[in-house]
Amino acid sequence: MIYFREEELTTVKAQRNKLLIVFFSVLAFYVLVTAGLITWHALLPYASPTQKTVKIIEYCVTAVVIIFL
C-alpha cells in the first residue's frame, strides 16, 4: 500500500521549510522589537508622557504577532 508519492513528499518538505523560515523571522523580529521597546521604556524618566506611546506600540505589535501566529 502506498501512502504518499515521492514528489509530494519533496513539495511538502519545501513548503514546511519556507513556513519555518517565515515563522522564525517573524519571531525574531518580534523579540528584537520587544527588547528595544523595553529598553526604551526603562530609559524613560518616571511619569514621562512618552510611556503611553511605548505601551501602545508594544500592544499593537503584540496583537499583530498573535494574529499572525
C-alpha atoms as a PDB file:
ATOM      1  CA  MET A   1       0.000   0.000   0.000  1.00  0.00           C
ATOM      2  CA  ILE A   2       1.392   3.420  -0.997  1.00  0.00           C
ATOM      3  CA  TYR A   3       0.674   6.270   1.408  1.00  0.00           C
ATOM      4  CA  PHE A   4       2.410   9.047  -0.495  1.00  0.00           C
ATOM      5  CA  ARG A   5       4.239   9.784  -3.697  1.00  0.00           C
ATOM      6  CA  GLU A   6       7.859  10.886  -3.630  1.00  0.00           C
ATOM      7  CA  GLU A   7       7.226  14.188  -5.470  1.00  0.00           C
ATOM      8  CA  GLU A   8       4.537  15.107  -2.936  1.00  0.00           C
ATOM      9  CA  LEU A   9       6.965  14.495  -0.095  1.00  0.00           C
ATOM     10  CA  THR A  10       9.577  16.836  -1.564  1.00  0.00           C
ATOM     11  CA  THR A  11       6.923  19.512  -2.146  1.00  0.00           C
ATOM     12  CA  VAL A  12       5.693  19.224   1.424  1.00  0.00           C
ATOM     13  CA  LYS A  13       9.231  19.408   2.804  1.00  0.00           C
ATOM     14  CA  ALA A  14       9.951  22.557   0.783  1.00  0.00           C
ATOM     15  CA  GLN A  15       6.689  24.130   1.935  1.00  0.00           C
ATOM     16  CA  ARG A  16       7.487  23.251   5.554  1.00  0.00           C
ATOM     17  CA  ASN A  17      10.943  24.823   5.297  1.00  0.00           C
ATOM     18  CA  LYS A  18       9.501  28.045   3.849  1.00  0.00           C
ATOM     19  CA  LEU A  19       6.901  28.191   6.608  1.00  0.00           C
ATOM     20  CA  LEU A  20       9.532  27.679   9.304  1.00  0.00           C
ATOM     21  CA  ILE A  21      11.704  30.430   7.816  1.00  0.00           C
ATOM     22  CA  VAL A  22       8.782  32.872   7.878  1.00  0.00           C
ATOM     23  CA  PHE A  23       7.770  31.810  11.393  1.00  0.00           C
ATOM     24  CA  PHE A  24      11.244  32.229  12.872  1.00  0.00           C
ATOM     25  CA  SER A  25      11.778  35.504  11.003  1.00  0.00           C
ATOM     26  CA  VAL A  26       8.601  36.972  12.466  1.00  0.00           C
ATOM     27  CA  LEU A  27       9.507  35.621  15.905  1.00  0.00           C
ATOM     28  CA  ALA A  28      12.997  37.152  15.731  1.00  0.00           C
ATOM     29  CA  PHE A  29      11.538  40.480  14.590  1.00  0.00           C
ATOM     30  CA  TYR A  30       9.082  40.435  17.499  1.00  0.00           C
ATOM     31  CA  VAL A  31      11.790  39.632  20.052  1.00  0.00           C
ATOM     32  CA  LEU A  32      14.032  42.430  18.749  1.00  0.00           C
ATOM     33  CA  VAL A  33      11.220  45.000  18.706  1.00  0.00           C
ATOM     34  CA  THR A  34      10.082  43.993  22.193  1.00  0.00           C
ATOM     35  CA  ALA A  35      13.630  44.175  23.568  1.00  0.00           C
ATOM     36  CA  GLY A  36      14.046  47.619  22.033  1.00  0.00           C
ATOM     37  CA  LEU A  37      10.757  48.865  23.441  1.00  0.00           C
ATOM     38  CA  ILE A  38      11.523  47.502  26.910  1.00  0.00           C
ATOM     39  CA  THR A  39      14.900  49.221  26.806  1.00  0.00           C
ATOM     40  CA  TRP A  40      13.319  52.457  25.624  1.00  0.00           C
ATOM     41  CA  HIS A  41      10.698  52.249  28.386  1.00  0.00           C
ATOM     42  CA  ALA A  42      13.358  51.562  31.042  1.00  0.00           C
ATOM     43  CA  LEU A  43      15.378  54.596  29.980  1.00  0.00           C
ATOM     44  CA  LEU A  44      12.428  56.988  30.175  1.00  0.00           C
ATOM     45  CA  PRO A  45      12.117  59.253  33.202  1.00  0.00           C
ATOM     46  CA  TYR A  46       9.485  58.470  35.816  1.00  0.00           C
ATOM     47  CA  ALA A  47       5.946  59.528  34.819  1.00  0.00           C
ATOM     48  CA  SER A  48       7.014  60.528  31.318  1.00  0.00           C
ATOM     49  CA  PRO A  49       4.146  61.105  28.880  1.00  0.00           C
ATOM     50  CA  THR A  50       6.095  59.097  26.294  1.00  0.00           C
ATOM     51  CA  GLN A  51       5.422  55.893  28.249  1.00  0.00           C
ATOM     52  CA  LYS A  52       1.961  55.768  26.735  1.00  0.00           C
ATOM     53  CA  THR A  53       3.446  55.761  23.227  1.00  0.00           C
ATOM     54  CA  VAL A  54       5.795  52.891  24.040  1.00  0.00           C
ATOM     55  CA  LYS A  55       2.951  50.833  25.500  1.00  0.00           C
ATOM     56  CA  ILE A  56       0.654  51.484  22.538  1.00  0.00           C
ATOM     57  CA  ILE A  57       3.356  50.414  20.078  1.00  0.00           C
ATOM     58  CA  GLU A  58       4.041  47.253  22.093  1.00  0.00           C
ATOM     59  CA  TYR A  59       0.340  46.390  22.316  1.00  0.00           C
ATOM     60  CA  CYS A  60      -0.094  46.804  18.558  1.00  0.00           C
ATOM     61  CA  VAL A  61       2.993  44.752  17.695  1.00  0.00           C
ATOM     62  CA  THR A  62       1.925  42.009  20.109  1.00  0.00           C
ATOM     63  CA  ALA A  63      -1.602  41.923  18.690  1.00  0.00           C
ATOM     64  CA  VAL A  64      -0.291  41.596  15.132  1.00  0.00           C
ATOM     65  CA  VAL A  65       2.087  38.788  16.117  1.00  0.00           C
ATOM     66  CA  ILE A  66      -0.660  36.925  17.985  1.00  0.00           C
ATOM     67  CA  ILE A  67      -2.984  37.207  14.984  1.00  0.00           C
ATOM     68  CA  PHE A  68      -0.212  36.046  12.669  1.00  0.00           C
ATOM     69  CA  LEU A  69       0.712  33.051  14.801  1.00  0.00           C
END
